[in-house]
Amino acid sequence: MADNYLKNMLGENEHIVFITRQHWLILLGKILAQIVLVVGLIVLVTLVWRIWQPHPLVPLAYLLVILPLLSLWQNVTVWKSRQYVVTDWRVIQISGIFSKEVMDTSLEKVNDVKLDQSFLGRLLDYGNLEILTGSESGVDRFICIGLPIHFKTAMLNAKEKLAHGQAGSGQRSAVDIAGPIEQLDNLRRQGLLTEEEFQQQKAQVLAKLTHTMPKG
């Protein structure tokens, strides 16, 4: 389900096709140590309080559990905030909790997609995607994402529809859409626009294009 931040980035006639995140194994690997530490602290404080040192102030040591719990919460929130999105116009990568970092690539710039899945990845449905593009960066790498085959299929299907002018009712050509956005992206790369200014002006460009396109 798309959050408000993602919805606000979309053009008027732009629609979300598919959303995924990094696989839950990535999250588990990061929080496992915190879980073990929380359980260990609880057991240790309980033993000290009940057996070795039954002092009334000993239970205050339970407050130490707050530290690994905060770290656990941070890892979960960071994992949840990182999204990989396919729309009928572009591929978007969003990360960050309070400060957001957004990277996107127009579908018409996608030249090829490489999927790398290990045996375990096939069993648990995760893998790495490399999206080869015509931009300066050349390659977008999505590491250990969940449902990689579904993501790749959704992206290629959306690209095919865009190429045949079927991505939306009365949608403009890919060149009409990508040109102004590419100019804004160049300004961002040169440091003349902040990330926030880039996203705002891009949304305005998309809205303006959809308002001026022919009906029917």
C-alpha atoms as a PDB file:
ATOM      1  CA  MET A   1       0.000   0.000   0.000  1.00  0.00           C
ATOM      2  CA  ALA A   2       1.356   3.384  -1.008  1.00  0.00           C
ATOM      3  CA  ASP A   3       1.998   6.002   1.675  1.00  0.00           C
ATOM      4  CA  ASN A   4       1.165   9.695   1.329  1.00  0.00           C
ATOM      5  CA  TYR A   5       4.755  10.663   0.469  1.00  0.00           C
ATOM      6  CA  LEU A   6       4.759   8.330  -2.516  1.00  0.00           C
ATOM      7  CA  LYS A   7       1.274   9.402  -3.619  1.00  0.00           C
ATOM      8  CA  ASN A   8       2.320  13.057  -3.569  1.00  0.00           C
ATOM      9  CA  MET A   9       5.175  12.294  -5.983  1.00  0.00           C
ATOM     10  CA  LEU A  10       2.912  10.903  -8.672  1.00  0.00           C
ATOM     11  CA  GLY A  11       1.726  12.817 -11.709  1.00  0.00           C
ATOM     12  CA  GLU A  12      -1.991  13.329 -12.189  1.00  0.00           C
ATOM     13  CA  ASN A  13      -2.390  10.350 -14.519  1.00  0.00           C
ATOM     14  CA  GLU A  14       0.489   8.304 -13.145  1.00  0.00           C
ATOM     15  CA  HIS A  15      -0.435   5.050 -11.443  1.00  0.00           C
ATOM     16  CA  ILE A  16       1.439   2.626  -9.207  1.00  0.00           C
ATOM     17  CA  VAL A  17       1.875  -0.797 -10.790  1.00  0.00           C
ATOM     18  CA  PHE A  18       3.929  -2.662  -8.181  1.00  0.00           C
ATOM     19  CA  ILE A  19       5.652  -2.020  -4.837  1.00  0.00           C
ATOM     20  CA  THR A  20       8.171  -4.160  -2.987  1.00  0.00           C
ATOM     21  CA  ARG A  21      10.843  -3.854  -0.289  1.00  0.00           C
ATOM     22  CA  GLN A  22      14.046  -5.608   0.594  1.00  0.00           C
ATOM     23  CA  HIS A  23      13.407  -9.179   1.665  1.00  0.00           C
ATOM     24  CA  TRP A  24      12.579  -9.866   5.291  1.00  0.00           C
ATOM     25  CA  LEU A  25      15.855 -11.817   5.630  1.00  0.00           C
ATOM     26  CA  ILE A  26      17.700  -8.486   5.438  1.00  0.00           C
ATOM     27  CA  LEU A  27      15.625  -7.173   8.328  1.00  0.00           C
ATOM     28  CA  LEU A  28      16.012 -10.388  10.325  1.00  0.00           C
ATOM     29  CA  GLY A  29      19.788 -10.285   9.968  1.00  0.00           C
ATOM     30  CA  LYS A  30      19.855  -6.748  11.382  1.00  0.00           C
ATOM     31  CA  ILE A  31      17.464  -7.214  14.294  1.00  0.00           C
ATOM     32  CA  LEU A  32      18.464 -10.711  15.409  1.00  0.00           C
ATOM     33  CA  ALA A  33      21.304  -9.396  17.572  1.00  0.00           C
ATOM     34  CA  GLN A  34      18.953  -6.859  19.220  1.00  0.00           C
ATOM     35  CA  ILE A  35      16.378  -9.553  19.946  1.00  0.00           C
ATOM     36  CA  VAL A  36      19.008 -11.807  21.533  1.00  0.00           C
ATOM     37  CA  LEU A  37      20.341  -8.882  23.579  1.00  0.00           C
ATOM     38  CA  VAL A  38      16.861  -7.927  24.833  1.00  0.00           C
ATOM     39  CA  VAL A  39      16.102 -11.491  25.912  1.00  0.00           C
ATOM     40  CA  GLY A  40      19.542 -11.858  27.494  1.00  0.00           C
ATOM     41  CA  LEU A  41      19.186  -8.638  29.507  1.00  0.00           C
ATOM     42  CA  ILE A  42      15.746  -9.612  30.765  1.00  0.00           C
ATOM     43  CA  VAL A  43      16.969 -13.047  31.860  1.00  0.00           C
ATOM     44  CA  LEU A  44      20.121 -11.641  33.495  1.00  0.00           C
ATOM     45  CA  VAL A  45      18.319  -8.908  35.444  1.00  0.00           C
ATOM     46  CA  THR A  46      15.653 -11.371  36.562  1.00  0.00           C
ATOM     47  CA  LEU A  47      18.282 -13.825  37.860  1.00  0.00           C
ATOM     48  CA  VAL A  48      20.195 -11.093  39.686  1.00  0.00           C
ATOM     49  CA  TRP A  49      17.009  -9.719  41.247  1.00  0.00           C
ATOM     50  CA  ARG A  50      15.425 -13.002  42.271  1.00  0.00           C
ATOM     51  CA  ILE A  51      18.479 -15.092  43.215  1.00  0.00           C
ATOM     52  CA  TRP A  52      21.766 -13.245  43.679  1.00  0.00           C
ATOM     53  CA  GLN A  53      20.821  -9.714  44.717  1.00  0.00           C
ATOM     54  CA  PRO A  54      17.162  -9.287  45.705  1.00  0.00           C
ATOM     55  CA  HIS A  55      17.494  -5.530  46.124  1.00  0.00           C
ATOM     56  CA  PRO A  56      14.420  -3.347  45.355  1.00  0.00           C
ATOM     57  CA  LEU A  57      16.472  -1.135  43.015  1.00  0.00           C
ATOM     58  CA  VAL A  58      17.697  -4.004  40.842  1.00  0.00           C
ATOM     59  CA  PRO A  59      14.533  -3.985  38.635  1.00  0.00           C
ATOM     60  CA  LEU A  60      15.616  -0.534  37.415  1.00  0.00           C
ATOM     61  CA  ALA A  61      18.199  -2.413  35.359  1.00  0.00           C
ATOM     62  CA  TYR A  62      15.331  -3.456  33.090  1.00  0.00           C
ATOM     63  CA  LEU A  63      15.588   0.064  31.675  1.00  0.00           C
ATOM     64  CA  LEU A  64      18.737  -1.076  29.867  1.00  0.00           C
ATOM     65  CA  VAL A  65      16.445  -2.972  27.529  1.00  0.00           C
ATOM     66  CA  ILE A  66      15.356   0.370  26.055  1.00  0.00           C
ATOM     67  CA  LEU A  67      18.652   0.763  24.160  1.00  0.00           C
ATOM     68  CA  PRO A  68      18.464  -2.427  22.047  1.00  0.00           C
ATOM     69  CA  LEU A  69      14.715  -1.874  21.620  1.00  0.00           C
ATOM     70  CA  LEU A  70      15.389   1.568  20.134  1.00  0.00           C
ATOM     71  CA  SER A  71      17.972   0.079  17.798  1.00  0.00           C
ATOM     72  CA  LEU A  72      15.486  -2.636  16.807  1.00  0.00           C
ATOM     73  CA  TRP A  73      12.792  -0.018  16.119  1.00  0.00           C
ATOM     74  CA  GLN A  74      15.215   1.981  13.976  1.00  0.00           C
ATOM     75  CA  ASN A  75      16.141  -1.039  11.863  1.00  0.00           C
ATOM     76  CA  VAL A  76      12.490  -1.966  11.313  1.00  0.00           C
ATOM     77  CA  THR A  77      11.565   1.614  10.395  1.00  0.00           C
ATOM     78  CA  VAL A  78      14.486   1.972   7.970  1.00  0.00           C
ATOM     79  CA  TRP A  79      13.551  -1.330   6.317  1.00  0.00           C
ATOM     80  CA  LYS A  80       9.908  -0.307   6.035  1.00  0.00           C
ATOM     81  CA  SER A  81      10.729   3.133   4.617  1.00  0.00           C
ATOM     82  CA  ARG A  82      12.837   1.719   1.748  1.00  0.00           C
ATOM     83  CA  GLN A  83      10.506   1.047  -1.156  1.00  0.00           C
ATOM     84  CA  TYR A  84      11.011  -0.069  -4.745  1.00  0.00           C
ATOM     85  CA  VAL A  85       8.149   1.103  -6.934  1.00  0.00           C
ATOM     86  CA  VAL A  86       7.067   0.575 -10.525  1.00  0.00           C
ATOM     87  CA  THR A  87       4.599   3.058 -11.992  1.00  0.00           C
ATOM     88  CA  ASP A  88       3.318   3.212 -15.543  1.00  0.00           C
ATOM     89  CA  TRP A  89       5.933   5.928 -16.234  1.00  0.00           C
ATOM     90  CA  ARG A  90       9.021   5.165 -14.153  1.00  0.00           C
ATOM     91  CA  VAL A  91      10.874   3.082 -11.547  1.00  0.00           C
ATOM     92  CA  ILE A  92      11.262   4.757  -8.143  1.00  0.00           C
ATOM     93  CA  GLN A  93      13.513   3.940  -5.181  1.00  0.00           C
ATOM     94  CA  ILE A  94      12.643   5.668  -1.894  1.00  0.00           C
ATOM     95  CA  SER A  95      14.622   5.501   1.350  1.00  0.00           C
ATOM     96  CA  GLY A  96      14.906   7.457   4.593  1.00  0.00           C
ATOM     97  CA  ILE A  97      12.714   7.961   7.645  1.00  0.00           C
ATOM     98  CA  PHE A  98      12.595  11.720   8.203  1.00  0.00           C
ATOM     99  CA  SER A  99      14.899  12.890   5.401  1.00  0.00           C
ATOM    100  CA  LYS A 100      13.920  11.174   2.171  1.00  0.00           C
ATOM    101  CA  GLU A 101      16.182  10.134  -0.678  1.00  0.00           C
ATOM    102  CA  VAL A 102      14.418   9.436  -3.975  1.00  0.00           C
ATOM    103  CA  MET A 103      15.925   7.994  -7.144  1.00  0.00           C
ATOM    104  CA  ASP A 104      13.854   7.336 -10.231  1.00  0.00           C
ATOM    105  CA  THR A 105      14.367   6.250 -13.810  1.00  0.00           C
ATOM    106  CA  SER A 106      11.974   6.788 -16.708  1.00  0.00           C
ATOM    107  CA  LEU A 107      10.827   3.485 -18.171  1.00  0.00           C
ATOM    108  CA  GLU A 108      11.765   4.650 -21.653  1.00  0.00           C
ATOM    109  CA  LYS A 109      15.410   4.858 -20.500  1.00  0.00           C
ATOM    110  CA  VAL A 110      15.491   1.217 -19.342  1.00  0.00           C
ATOM    111  CA  ASN A 111      17.601  -0.779 -21.796  1.00  0.00           C
ATOM    112  CA  ASP A 112      17.905  -4.143 -20.056  1.00  0.00           C
ATOM    113  CA  VAL A 113      17.235  -5.859 -16.725  1.00  0.00           C
ATOM    114  CA  LYS A 114      19.459  -8.493 -15.104  1.00  0.00           C
ATOM    115  CA  LEU A 115      18.048 -10.727 -12.356  1.00  0.00           C
ATOM    116  CA  ASP A 116      20.394 -12.660 -10.071  1.00  0.00           C
ATOM    117  CA  GLN A 117      18.831 -15.282  -7.763  1.00  0.00           C
ATOM    118  CA  SER A 118      20.665 -17.893  -5.707  1.00  0.00           C
ATOM    119  CA  PHE A 119      19.092 -21.254  -4.906  1.00  0.00           C
ATOM    120  CA  LEU A 120      18.011 -19.933  -1.498  1.00  0.00           C
ATOM    121  CA  GLY A 121      16.741 -16.782  -3.182  1.00  0.00           C
ATOM    122  CA  ARG A 122      14.501 -18.855  -5.436  1.00  0.00           C
ATOM    123  CA  LEU A 123      13.158 -20.769  -2.443  1.00  0.00           C
ATOM    124  CA  LEU A 124      12.447 -17.630  -0.382  1.00  0.00           C
ATOM    125  CA  ASP A 125      11.630 -15.380  -3.356  1.00  0.00           C
ATOM    126  CA  TYR A 126      14.337 -12.712  -3.202  1.00  0.00           C
ATOM    127  CA  GLY A 127      17.128 -11.598  -5.492  1.00  0.00           C
ATOM    128  CA  ASN A 128      19.227  -8.784  -6.944  1.00  0.00           C
ATOM    129  CA  LEU A 129      18.149  -6.663  -9.892  1.00  0.00           C
ATOM    130  CA  GLU A 130      20.394  -4.594 -12.137  1.00  0.00           C
ATOM    131  CA  ILE A 131      18.518  -2.144 -14.335  1.00  0.00           C
ATOM    132  CA  LEU A 132      20.675  -0.965 -17.229  1.00  0.00           C
ATOM    133  CA  THR A 133      19.672   2.533 -18.290  1.00  0.00           C
ATOM    134  CA  GLY A 134      20.662   5.260 -20.717  1.00  0.00           C
ATOM    135  CA  SER A 135      21.339   7.754 -17.896  1.00  0.00           C
ATOM    136  CA  GLU A 136      24.740   8.901 -16.658  1.00  0.00           C
ATOM    137  CA  SER A 137      24.776   6.419 -13.780  1.00  0.00           C
ATOM    138  CA  GLY A 138      24.206   3.546 -16.227  1.00  0.00           C
ATOM    139  CA  VAL A 139      23.019   0.921 -13.730  1.00  0.00           C
ATOM    140  CA  ASP A 140      20.440   0.932 -10.923  1.00  0.00           C
ATOM    141  CA  ARG A 141      21.094  -1.877  -8.438  1.00  0.00           C
ATOM    142  CA  PHE A 142      18.317  -3.194  -6.194  1.00  0.00           C
ATOM    143  CA  ILE A 143      19.895  -5.551  -3.664  1.00  0.00           C
ATOM    144  CA  CYS A 144      18.031  -8.501  -2.129  1.00  0.00           C
ATOM    145  CA  ILE A 145      14.523  -7.288  -2.917  1.00  0.00           C
ATOM    146  CA  GLY A 146      11.447  -9.389  -2.289  1.00  0.00           C
ATOM    147  CA  LEU A 147       9.387 -10.704  -5.227  1.00  0.00           C
ATOM    148  CA  PRO A 148      12.060  -9.803  -7.801  1.00  0.00           C
ATOM    149  CA  ILE A 149      10.434 -11.730 -10.668  1.00  0.00           C
ATOM    150  CA  HIS A 150       7.106  -9.958 -10.102  1.00  0.00           C
ATOM    151  CA  PHE A 151       8.956  -6.614  -9.963  1.00  0.00           C
ATOM    152  CA  LYS A 152      10.828  -7.304 -13.200  1.00  0.00           C
ATOM    153  CA  THR A 153       7.690  -8.502 -14.982  1.00  0.00           C
ATOM    154  CA  ALA A 154       5.666  -5.483 -13.822  1.00  0.00           C
ATOM    155  CA  MET A 155       8.411  -3.124 -14.993  1.00  0.00           C
ATOM    156  CA  LEU A 156       8.797  -4.719 -18.430  1.00  0.00           C
ATOM    157  CA  ASN A 157       5.026  -4.852 -18.945  1.00  0.00           C
ATOM    158  CA  ALA A 158       4.705  -1.175 -17.996  1.00  0.00           C
ATOM    159  CA  LYS A 159       7.565  -0.285 -20.357  1.00  0.00           C
ATOM    160  CA  GLU A 160       5.873  -2.183 -23.180  1.00  0.00           C
ATOM    161  CA  LYS A 161       2.556  -0.422 -22.595  1.00  0.00           C
ATOM    162  CA  LEU A 162       4.301   2.938 -22.437  1.00  0.00           C
ATOM    163  CA  ALA A 163       6.052   2.255 -25.740  1.00  0.00           C
ATOM    164  CA  HIS A 164       2.698   1.498 -27.378  1.00  0.00           C
ATOM    165  CA  GLY A 165       0.940   4.496 -25.833  1.00  0.00           C
ATOM    166  CA  GLN A 166      -1.281   2.339 -23.576  1.00  0.00           C
ATOM    167  CA  ALA A 167      -0.040   3.367 -20.143  1.00  0.00           C
ATOM    168  CA  GLY A 168      -2.955   5.722 -19.521  1.00  0.00           C
ATOM    169  CA  SER A 169      -5.884   7.428 -21.196  1.00  0.00           C
ATOM    170  CA  GLY A 170      -4.584  10.074 -23.608  1.00  0.00           C
ATOM    171  CA  GLN A 171      -1.026   9.757 -22.192  1.00  0.00           C
ATOM    172  CA  ARG A 172       1.713  11.848 -23.805  1.00  0.00           C
ATOM    173  CA  SER A 173       4.694  10.224 -25.479  1.00  0.00           C
ATOM    174  CA  ALA A 174       7.671   9.150 -23.381  1.00  0.00           C
ATOM    175  CA  VAL A 175       9.809  11.879 -24.947  1.00  0.00           C
ATOM    176  CA  ASP A 176       7.319  14.599 -23.964  1.00  0.00           C
ATOM    177  CA  ILE A 177       7.372  13.371 -20.376  1.00  0.00           C
ATOM    178  CA  ALA A 178      11.045  12.514 -19.976  1.00  0.00           C
ATOM    179  CA  GLY A 179      12.526  15.661 -21.558  1.00  0.00           C
ATOM    180  CA  PRO A 180      11.618  18.278 -18.917  1.00  0.00           C
ATOM    181  CA  ILE A 181      12.258  15.813 -16.101  1.00  0.00           C
ATOM    182  CA  GLU A 182      15.710  15.036 -17.483  1.00  0.00           C
ATOM    183  CA  GLN A 183      16.500  18.753 -17.541  1.00  0.00           C
ATOM    184  CA  LEU A 184      15.491  19.047 -13.892  1.00  0.00           C
ATOM    185  CA  ASP A 185      17.577  15.981 -13.062  1.00  0.00           C
ATOM    186  CA  ASN A 186      20.632  17.604 -14.666  1.00  0.00           C
ATOM    187  CA  LEU A 187      20.100  20.691 -12.507  1.00  0.00           C
ATOM    188  CA  ARG A 188      19.924  18.458  -9.429  1.00  0.00           C
ATOM    189  CA  ARG A 189      23.146  16.674 -10.388  1.00  0.00           C
ATOM    190  CA  GLN A 190      24.861  20.051 -10.791  1.00  0.00           C
ATOM    191  CA  GLY A 191      23.746  21.062  -7.304  1.00  0.00           C
ATOM    192  CA  LEU A 192      21.457  23.817  -8.568  1.00  0.00           C
ATOM    193  CA  LEU A 193      18.361  22.096  -7.154  1.00  0.00           C
ATOM    194  CA  THR A 194      17.912  20.335  -3.830  1.00  0.00           C
ATOM    195  CA  GLU A 195      16.211  16.929  -3.734  1.00  0.00           C
ATOM    196  CA  GLU A 196      13.050  18.509  -2.339  1.00  0.00           C
ATOM    197  CA  GLU A 197      12.991  21.230  -5.019  1.00  0.00           C
ATOM    198  CA  PHE A 198      13.581  18.603  -7.699  1.00  0.00           C
ATOM    199  CA  GLN A 199      10.624  16.479  -6.534  1.00  0.00           C
ATOM    200  CA  GLN A 200       8.329  19.506  -6.275  1.00  0.00           C
ATOM    201  CA  GLN A 201       9.196  20.856  -9.732  1.00  0.00           C
ATOM    202  CA  LYS A 202       8.983  17.395 -11.273  1.00  0.00           C
ATOM    203  CA  ALA A 203       5.477  16.946  -9.865  1.00  0.00           C
ATOM    204  CA  GLN A 204       4.533  20.344 -11.313  1.00  0.00           C
ATOM    205  CA  VAL A 205       5.906  19.359 -14.732  1.00  0.00           C
ATOM    206  CA  LEU A 206       3.970  16.087 -14.701  1.00  0.00           C
ATOM    207  CA  ALA A 207       0.783  17.846 -13.656  1.00  0.00           C
ATOM    208  CA  LYS A 208       1.229  20.503 -16.365  1.00  0.00           C
ATOM    209  CA  LEU A 209       1.830  17.887 -19.057  1.00  0.00           C
ATOM    210  CA  THR A 210      -1.278  15.929 -18.127  1.00  0.00           C
ATOM    211  CA  HIS A 211      -3.407  19.081 -18.120  1.00  0.00           C
ATOM    212  CA  THR A 212      -2.221  20.151 -21.584  1.00  0.00           C
ATOM    213  CA  MET A 213      -2.415  16.794 -23.336  1.00  0.00           C
ATOM    214  CA  PRO A 214      -5.207  16.246 -25.866  1.00  0.00           C
ATOM    215  CA  LYS A 215      -8.423  14.599 -24.736  1.00  0.00           C
ATOM    216  CA  GLY A 216     -10.033  11.500 -26.195  1.00  0.00           C
END
